[in-house]
Protein backbone atom coordinates (compact mmCIF):
# COMPACT_ATOMS: atom_id res chain seq x y z
CA MET A 1 79.46 133.54 88.70
CA ASP A 2 81.43 133.41 85.18
CA LEU A 3 82.98 130.47 83.82
CA LEU A 4 84.02 131.60 80.48
CA LEU A 5 87.47 132.18 80.26
CA THR A 6 89.07 135.62 80.13
CA HIS A 7 91.58 137.11 77.37
CA GLU A 8 94.66 136.40 80.25
CA GLU A 9 92.95 132.97 80.65
CA LYS A 10 92.69 131.97 77.33
CA LEU A 11 96.61 133.08 76.86
CA LEU A 12 97.79 131.10 79.12
CA GLN A 13 95.85 128.12 77.96
CA GLN A 14 97.33 128.49 74.69
CA THR A 15 100.58 128.99 75.78
CA VAL A 16 100.58 125.82 77.54
CA ARG A 17 98.89 124.15 75.42
CA GLN A 18 101.75 125.00 72.59
CA PHE A 19 104.39 123.77 74.95
CA ALA A 20 102.73 120.58 75.85
CA ASN A 21 102.68 119.98 72.10
CA LYS A 22 106.22 120.70 71.09
CA GLU A 23 108.00 119.39 74.37
CA LEU A 24 105.79 117.36 76.58
CA ILE A 25 104.08 115.12 73.93
CA PRO A 26 107.25 114.11 71.90
CA ARG A 27 108.93 112.87 75.79
CA ALA A 28 106.02 111.46 76.99
CA ALA A 29 106.36 107.66 75.87
CA HIS A 30 110.09 108.40 76.74
CA ILE A 31 109.78 109.06 80.24
CA ASP A 32 106.85 106.62 80.73
CA GLU A 33 109.01 103.56 79.12
CA HIS A 34 112.30 104.52 81.52
CA GLU A 35 110.09 105.85 84.11
CA GLU A 36 112.42 108.87 84.36
CA PHE A 37 111.95 112.05 85.47
CA SER A 38 112.47 114.64 82.97
CA TRP A 39 113.93 117.74 83.91
CA ASP A 40 113.92 119.10 80.68
CA ASN A 41 110.31 118.93 81.18
CA TRP A 42 110.75 120.56 84.70
CA LYS A 43 113.03 123.39 83.34
CA GLY A 44 110.22 124.38 80.53
CA LEU A 45 107.74 124.34 83.11
CA ALA A 46 109.62 126.70 85.15
CA SER A 47 110.60 128.89 82.16
CA LEU A 48 107.20 129.68 81.55
CA GLY A 49 106.65 130.76 85.33
CA LEU A 50 104.17 127.58 85.51
CA THR A 51 106.16 126.61 88.81
CA GLY A 52 105.48 129.76 90.52
CA LEU A 53 101.90 130.05 89.48
CA GLY A 54 99.44 131.07 92.25
CA LEU A 55 102.23 132.35 94.31
CA ASP A 56 102.62 135.80 95.65
CA PRO A 57 104.94 137.49 94.00
CA VAL A 58 106.83 139.00 97.16
CA TYR A 59 107.55 135.60 97.59
CA GLY A 60 108.99 135.27 93.98
CA GLY A 61 105.86 133.69 92.99
CA SER A 62 104.29 134.11 89.23
CA GLY A 63 101.12 135.41 90.98
CA GLY A 64 97.51 134.23 89.56
CA ASN A 65 94.67 132.37 91.22
CA TYR A 66 93.33 128.71 91.18
CA ARG A 67 91.51 128.97 88.03
CA GLN A 68 94.86 129.89 86.26
CA LEU A 69 96.38 126.82 87.91
CA VAL A 70 93.31 124.52 86.94
CA ILE A 71 93.93 125.87 83.58
CA ALA A 72 97.36 125.39 83.58
CA THR A 73 97.50 121.62 85.02
CA GLU A 74 94.92 120.81 82.39
CA GLN A 75 96.98 121.06 79.50
CA ILE A 76 100.25 119.82 81.35
CA ALA A 77 98.15 116.62 82.01
CA ARG A 78 97.14 116.60 78.22
CA GLY A 79 100.68 116.96 77.10
CA CYS A 80 102.12 114.26 79.62
CA ALA A 81 100.12 112.98 82.89
CA SER A 82 103.35 112.35 84.45
CA THR A 83 104.94 115.57 84.31
CA SER A 84 101.57 117.21 85.67
CA VAL A 85 102.03 114.77 88.86
CA GLY A 86 105.65 116.39 89.72
CA PHE A 87 103.94 120.10 89.00
CA ALA A 88 100.84 119.07 91.44
CA ALA A 89 103.22 117.71 94.34
CA HIS A 90 105.58 120.63 94.39
CA LEU A 91 102.99 123.54 93.61
CA SER A 92 99.68 123.00 94.93
CA LEU A 93 100.92 120.64 97.70
CA THR A 94 104.28 121.68 99.30
CA ALA A 95 104.61 125.03 98.17
CA HIS A 96 100.93 126.16 98.72
CA THR A 97 101.49 124.08 102.12
CA ILE A 98 104.13 126.52 102.83
CA ALA A 99 102.67 129.53 101.25
CA ARG A 100 99.56 129.20 103.74
CA PHE A 101 100.74 128.44 106.79
CA GLY A 102 104.41 129.36 107.12
CA THR A 103 106.29 131.98 108.96
CA GLU A 104 107.35 135.12 107.18
CA GLU A 105 110.80 133.83 107.94
CA GLN A 106 110.38 130.64 106.11
CA LYS A 107 108.01 132.12 102.85
CA ARG A 108 111.22 134.24 102.32
CA ARG A 109 113.82 131.56 102.53
CA LEU A 110 112.31 128.88 100.95
CA LEU A 111 109.28 129.90 98.21
CA PRO A 112 111.56 131.93 95.82
CA PRO A 113 113.85 129.00 94.85
CA MET A 114 111.22 126.86 94.45
CA ALA A 115 108.64 129.33 92.56
CA GLN A 116 111.49 129.85 90.29
CA GLY A 117 112.11 126.07 89.51
CA GLU A 118 115.54 125.79 91.52
CA LYS A 119 114.33 123.80 93.90
CA ILE A 120 111.49 121.16 94.08
CA GLY A 121 109.54 120.51 96.33
CA ALA A 122 107.24 116.67 98.06
CA TRP A 123 104.62 116.62 100.63
CA ALA A 124 104.56 113.59 102.84
CA LEU A 125 101.31 112.32 104.41
CA SER A 126 100.65 108.53 103.37
CA GLU A 127 102.27 106.17 105.05
CA PRO A 128 102.70 102.46 104.74
CA ALA A 129 100.10 101.62 107.57
CA CYS A 130 97.21 104.00 106.75
CA GLY A 131 95.76 105.25 103.65
CA SER A 132 92.45 107.05 103.68
CA ASP A 133 93.01 107.48 107.36
CA ALA A 134 95.22 110.36 107.76
CA ALA A 135 94.38 111.02 111.22
CA ALA A 136 96.03 107.59 111.95
CA LEU A 137 99.69 108.31 111.42
CA GLN A 138 102.36 106.33 112.71
CA THR A 139 105.27 108.58 112.12
CA ILE A 140 106.37 109.87 115.54
CA ALA A 141 108.00 113.61 116.15
CA ARG A 142 109.70 113.98 119.63
CA SER A 143 110.04 117.04 120.87
CA GLU A 144 113.49 118.52 122.70
CA ASN A 145 115.14 121.09 123.82
CA ASP A 146 116.84 121.36 120.44
CA GLY A 147 114.35 120.57 117.94
CA TYR A 148 111.98 117.60 117.15
CA TYR A 149 113.15 114.12 116.04
CA LEU A 150 111.19 112.38 113.52
CA ASN A 151 111.16 108.51 113.20
CA GLY A 152 108.82 106.52 110.78
CA ALA A 153 108.34 105.84 107.43
CA LYS A 154 106.15 107.50 104.16
CA THR A 155 105.21 105.84 101.01
CA PHE A 156 103.99 106.60 97.65
CA ILE A 157 105.28 110.13 97.86
CA SER A 158 105.55 112.22 94.78
CA ASN A 159 108.84 113.73 94.04
CA GLY A 160 110.08 112.03 97.23
CA ASP A 161 113.48 110.90 96.01
CA ILE A 162 114.25 114.01 93.97
CA ALA A 163 112.90 116.91 96.62
CA ASP A 164 115.11 119.72 98.27
CA HIS A 165 112.21 120.17 100.55
CA ILE A 166 109.84 117.65 101.93
CA VAL A 167 106.45 118.70 104.18
CA ILE A 168 106.42 116.05 106.91
CA PHE A 169 103.50 115.10 108.90
CA ALA A 170 103.69 113.68 111.81
CA THR A 171 102.34 112.81 115.50
CA ARG A 172 103.23 113.61 118.71
CA ASN A 173 101.08 110.73 120.31
CA ARG A 174 99.22 108.22 118.38
CA ASN A 175 96.27 107.82 120.75
CA LEU A 176 95.74 111.70 119.98
CA ARG A 177 95.06 110.69 115.96
CA SER A 178 93.86 113.75 114.45
CA LYS A 179 94.67 116.34 117.15
CA GLY A 180 98.47 115.30 117.44
CA VAL A 181 99.13 116.11 114.25
CA SER A 182 102.08 118.56 113.29
CA ALA A 183 103.66 119.05 110.15
CA PHE A 184 107.49 120.01 109.82
CA ILE A 185 109.69 121.29 106.74
CA ALA A 186 112.56 119.01 106.19
CA ASP A 187 115.38 119.35 103.49
CA LYS A 188 116.66 116.38 101.56
CA ASP A 189 120.35 116.59 103.24
CA PHE A 190 118.81 116.54 107.10
CA PRO A 191 120.89 113.30 108.87
CA GLY A 192 118.41 110.22 109.37
CA LEU A 193 116.39 111.12 106.07
CA SER A 194 116.66 108.77 103.32
CA ALA A 195 114.11 108.58 100.10
CA HIS A 196 114.11 105.25 97.77
CA LYS A 197 112.69 105.39 94.54
CA GLN A 198 109.56 102.91 94.03
CA ARG A 199 109.55 101.33 90.48
CA GLY A 200 106.80 99.10 88.90
CA LYS A 201 103.92 101.65 89.10
CA LEU A 202 101.06 100.64 86.61
CA GLY A 203 100.74 104.64 85.40
CA MET A 204 102.25 108.00 86.09
CA ARG A 205 105.77 105.94 85.10
CA GLY A 206 107.60 109.56 84.16
CA SER A 207 106.50 110.66 87.51
CA SER A 208 108.87 110.00 90.37
CA THR A 209 107.39 108.16 93.49
CA ALA A 210 109.47 107.07 96.36
CA ALA A 211 108.98 106.12 99.98
CA ILE A 212 111.05 108.12 102.93
CA TYR A 213 112.58 106.71 105.91
CA LEU A 214 113.04 108.66 109.13
CA ASP A 215 115.49 107.51 111.59
CA ASN A 216 115.88 110.17 114.36
CA CYS A 217 115.46 112.71 111.57
CA ARG A 218 116.46 115.82 113.32
CA ILE A 219 114.20 118.75 112.25
CA PRO A 220 115.09 122.49 113.80
CA ALA A 221 112.12 123.75 115.85
CA GLU A 222 111.86 126.90 113.25
CA ASN A 223 111.09 124.19 110.51
CA ARG A 224 107.78 123.22 112.13
CA LEU A 225 104.74 124.56 109.95
CA GLY A 226 102.33 126.13 112.28
CA GLU A 227 101.21 125.27 115.91
CA GLU A 228 101.75 122.00 117.46
CA GLY A 229 98.53 119.78 116.59
CA GLN A 230 97.63 121.64 113.43
CA GLY A 231 99.20 119.57 110.85
CA PHE A 232 95.84 117.20 110.68
CA ASN A 233 93.88 120.77 109.89
CA GLN A 234 96.42 121.95 107.85
CA ALA A 235 96.44 118.89 105.28
CA MET A 236 92.66 119.09 104.87
CA GLU A 237 92.76 122.19 103.90
CA VAL A 238 95.58 121.80 101.55
CA LEU A 239 93.91 118.98 100.42
CA ASN A 240 90.40 120.44 99.42
CA SER A 241 92.01 122.94 97.01
CA SER A 242 94.53 120.40 95.82
CA ARG A 243 91.94 117.86 94.62
CA ILE A 244 90.80 120.32 92.40
CA ILE A 245 94.06 120.07 90.73
CA ILE A 246 93.49 116.21 90.42
CA ALA A 247 90.27 116.92 89.01
CA SER A 248 91.95 119.22 86.35
CA GLN A 249 94.52 116.40 85.60
CA ALA A 250 92.00 113.83 84.78
CA VAL A 251 90.34 116.50 82.76
CA GLY A 252 93.78 116.73 80.98
CA ILE A 253 93.74 112.95 80.35
CA ALA A 254 90.20 112.49 78.82
CA GLN A 255 90.71 115.12 76.68
CA ALA A 256 93.80 113.93 75.37
CA SER A 257 91.92 110.28 74.91
CA PHE A 258 88.93 112.21 73.27
CA GLU A 259 91.16 114.01 70.78
CA ALA A 260 93.38 110.46 69.62
CA ALA A 261 89.94 108.70 69.68
CA SER A 262 88.28 111.47 67.24
CA ALA A 263 91.49 111.82 65.24
CA HIS A 264 91.28 108.19 64.71
CA SER A 265 87.54 107.28 63.75
CA LEU A 266 88.41 109.45 61.58
CA GLN A 267 91.41 107.78 59.58
CA ARG A 268 90.61 104.38 60.12
CA ARG A 269 88.21 102.57 57.88
CA SER A 270 85.79 99.65 58.47
CA PHE A 271 83.49 98.17 55.98
CA GLY A 272 84.25 100.55 53.11
CA ARG A 273 83.87 103.39 55.54
CA SER A 274 85.68 105.74 58.09
CA LEU A 275 84.96 104.71 61.67
CA SER A 276 83.44 107.78 62.44
CA GLU A 277 80.74 107.23 59.85
CA HIS A 278 79.51 104.06 61.76
CA GLN A 279 76.66 105.15 64.81
CA ALA A 280 78.18 103.05 67.52
CA ILE A 281 81.60 105.12 67.34
CA GLN A 282 79.32 108.43 66.74
CA PHE A 283 77.80 107.50 70.48
CA MET A 284 80.97 106.99 72.10
CA ILE A 285 82.44 109.95 70.96
CA ALA A 286 79.41 112.05 71.48
CA ASP A 287 79.37 110.50 75.28
CA MET A 288 83.05 111.35 75.43
CA ALA A 289 82.92 114.67 74.44
CA THR A 290 79.79 115.38 77.11
CA ALA A 291 82.06 114.08 80.19
CA VAL A 292 85.24 116.07 79.04
CA TYR A 293 82.89 118.90 79.23
CA ALA A 294 80.92 117.96 82.01
CA SER A 295 84.39 117.76 83.98
CA LYS A 296 85.55 121.02 82.48
CA VAL A 297 82.89 122.66 84.28
CA MET A 298 82.56 121.18 87.07
CA THR A 299 86.41 121.45 87.94
CA LEU A 300 86.37 125.43 86.93
CA THR A 301 83.54 125.68 88.66
CA ALA A 302 84.88 124.12 92.31
CA ALA A 303 88.12 126.43 91.34
CA THR A 304 86.07 129.76 91.22
CA LEU A 305 84.40 129.31 94.03
CA ARG A 306 87.73 129.29 96.22
CA ASP A 307 88.87 132.18 94.48
CA GLN A 308 85.91 134.03 95.44
CA GLN A 309 86.40 132.63 98.72
CA LEU A 310 82.89 131.01 98.62
CA PRO A 311 82.28 127.63 100.11
CA PHE A 312 83.68 124.81 97.84
CA VAL A 313 84.65 121.63 99.46
CA SER A 314 81.70 119.82 98.02
CA GLU A 315 82.36 120.96 94.68
CA ALA A 316 85.82 120.16 95.01
CA ALA A 317 84.80 116.68 95.77
CA MET A 318 82.60 116.25 93.19
CA ALA A 319 84.79 117.66 90.71
CA LYS A 320 87.69 114.95 91.52
CA LEU A 321 84.87 112.37 91.99
CA PHE A 322 83.16 113.23 88.28
CA ALA A 323 86.28 113.83 86.25
CA SER A 324 88.62 110.78 87.52
CA GLU A 325 85.91 108.32 87.08
CA SER A 326 85.25 109.91 83.64
CA ALA A 327 89.02 110.07 82.54
CA VAL A 328 89.05 106.09 83.20
CA ARG A 329 85.97 105.38 81.41
CA LEU A 330 87.01 108.16 78.43
CA THR A 331 90.78 106.30 78.30
CA SER A 332 89.08 103.14 78.10
CA GLN A 333 86.85 103.95 75.49
CA ALA A 334 89.25 105.55 73.25
CA LEU A 335 91.55 102.39 73.54
CA GLN A 336 88.15 100.47 72.43
CA ILE A 337 87.96 102.66 69.67
CA HIS A 338 91.66 102.22 68.31
CA GLY A 339 90.85 98.71 69.06
CA GLY A 340 94.06 96.25 68.70
CA TYR A 341 96.22 99.31 67.50
CA GLY A 342 95.62 101.03 71.03
CA TYR A 343 96.33 97.58 72.89
CA PHE A 344 100.06 97.48 72.29
CA LYS A 345 102.88 100.12 74.07
CA GLY A 346 103.33 102.92 71.65
CA ALA A 347 99.92 103.65 71.44
CA PRO A 348 99.55 106.95 73.60
CA VAL A 349 96.24 105.61 74.19
CA GLU A 350 97.41 102.47 75.71
CA ARG A 351 99.47 105.22 78.07
CA TYR A 352 96.45 107.11 78.60
CA PHE A 353 94.42 103.72 80.10
CA ARG A 354 97.21 103.31 82.81
CA ASP A 355 97.68 107.04 83.46
CA ALA A 356 94.13 107.71 84.40
CA ARG A 357 93.47 105.10 87.05
CA VAL A 358 95.52 106.60 89.80
CA THR A 359 93.55 109.95 89.72
CA THR A 360 90.39 107.73 91.35
CA ILE A 361 92.82 106.94 94.20
CA TYR A 362 95.85 109.51 95.38
CA GLU A 363 94.33 112.51 97.08
CA GLY A 364 91.38 111.02 98.43
CA THR A 365 90.03 107.89 96.64
CA SER A 366 86.30 108.40 95.23
CA GLU A 367 84.92 106.44 98.13
CA ILE A 368 86.45 109.03 100.13
CA GLN A 369 84.76 112.09 98.04
CA ARG A 370 81.42 110.37 97.97
CA LEU A 371 81.96 110.46 101.92
CA ILE A 372 82.80 114.00 101.70
CA ILE A 373 80.11 114.82 99.45
CA ALA A 374 77.25 112.61 101.41
CA ARG A 375 78.22 114.18 104.55
CA ASN A 376 77.90 118.05 103.43
CA VAL A 377 74.59 117.57 101.31
CA LEU A 378 73.11 115.47 103.96
CA LYS A 379 73.83 118.52 106.65
CA ASP A 380 71.53 120.87 104.81
CA PHE A 381 68.90 118.36 105.83
CA VAL A 382 69.05 118.04 109.37
CA SER A 383 66.92 120.43 111.61
C-alpha cells in the first residue's frame, strides 16, 4: 500500500493550499467573528471543482477518490476550519449518500447542481433527545398513499438553514429502533419543514448550524433513499467513511497550529534569544510535528484502504480518534507557545483552539470511536 502522494495528488494539494492562503485565511477571522457562512469561499471551492470531488463525472462530478478528498479537506481546514465543515456536510455526507444509495433518477436530478456548487446539501441525523444513540430516533415517518409525512426535530445540522437538499433520517416505529429507520430527501421549500440557525457555538462559528423542525412535512415516495428500514445501515456506512474526512479536518487544524507556533517561536524573543532556542519549546515543537505526521499517515492509510475496497472501519475510527484528540492537544500547545498573545481574539491560534474541540464530538465522539475500535480488535481474539 503506497502512502506517498502521486504527482496528481501533489498538484491537488498545492492548488488547494494556494487557494486557502489567498482566499480562505484572509476571511477566516471575519466569518468566525460574525458567525457568517462565506458564500465567497463556497464559490471558490466550486470554481476549483471541489464541491464535486469524488462524484462520478456522469452526474456532473469531478471524479477522484477518497485520498483526494482527504488531501483537499486537510488544506481547506488548514485555511478555514469553518469552511471545511460546510464542505464536508455537503459532500462526504449528503452528496455521497445520494450517490451511494440513490436511484438513477435521484442521482441524475440532484447530483449535477450539487457537484457544481449550485446547490448545497445537509445531512440530518442528530436529534435533541438522542446523540450517539442514532437508533433511538424520535422523528416519525408516517406512510400514506401519496408519500410520507415526517414529524419531529433535528439539531446541530451543518448547513441546515442554507441547504437546498436535506437527507433526513426518520423511523416508522420507535420501538423498532435501527430496523425502523429510513432516509428521505427533502427540499428546503417543502411545506412543514423549517430551519432555525443555532448561534453561540464555541468554535467553527463560520459554519452554518441549524435546528430543523418537521410538522407534517410531506416527502414524495420517490424521495425515499433505498428501501424502507435501511436508513440506519445507510447512515452507519456513510459515517464509517466520513469520519476519515473529520480526521483530515483535524489534521488541517493541527497543521495550521503547528505552523503558527513554529513561526512565532522563531520571531519571539525571551531571555535574550528566540523562543525556538529554548529546549522546552523545542520539545513542544517536536511533539507537535510528530503528532501531525502520525495523524496524516493514519488518515491517509484509512482513505487508501477504503479506495482499495479493503476493510477500513477500525482504521477510520483510529484516525478520527487520534487526529481529533491530537488537534485539541496541539492547539493548546500552540496557544501556550504564543503566551498572552495567543489568548486574545485576533490571534489565529485562539480560533484554532476553539475550532479543534468539536472534532472529538461530531460524527462519532471519541468514546464511540473507542467502542468501535475495541469491538473490532477484540473479535479477532474470539475463538
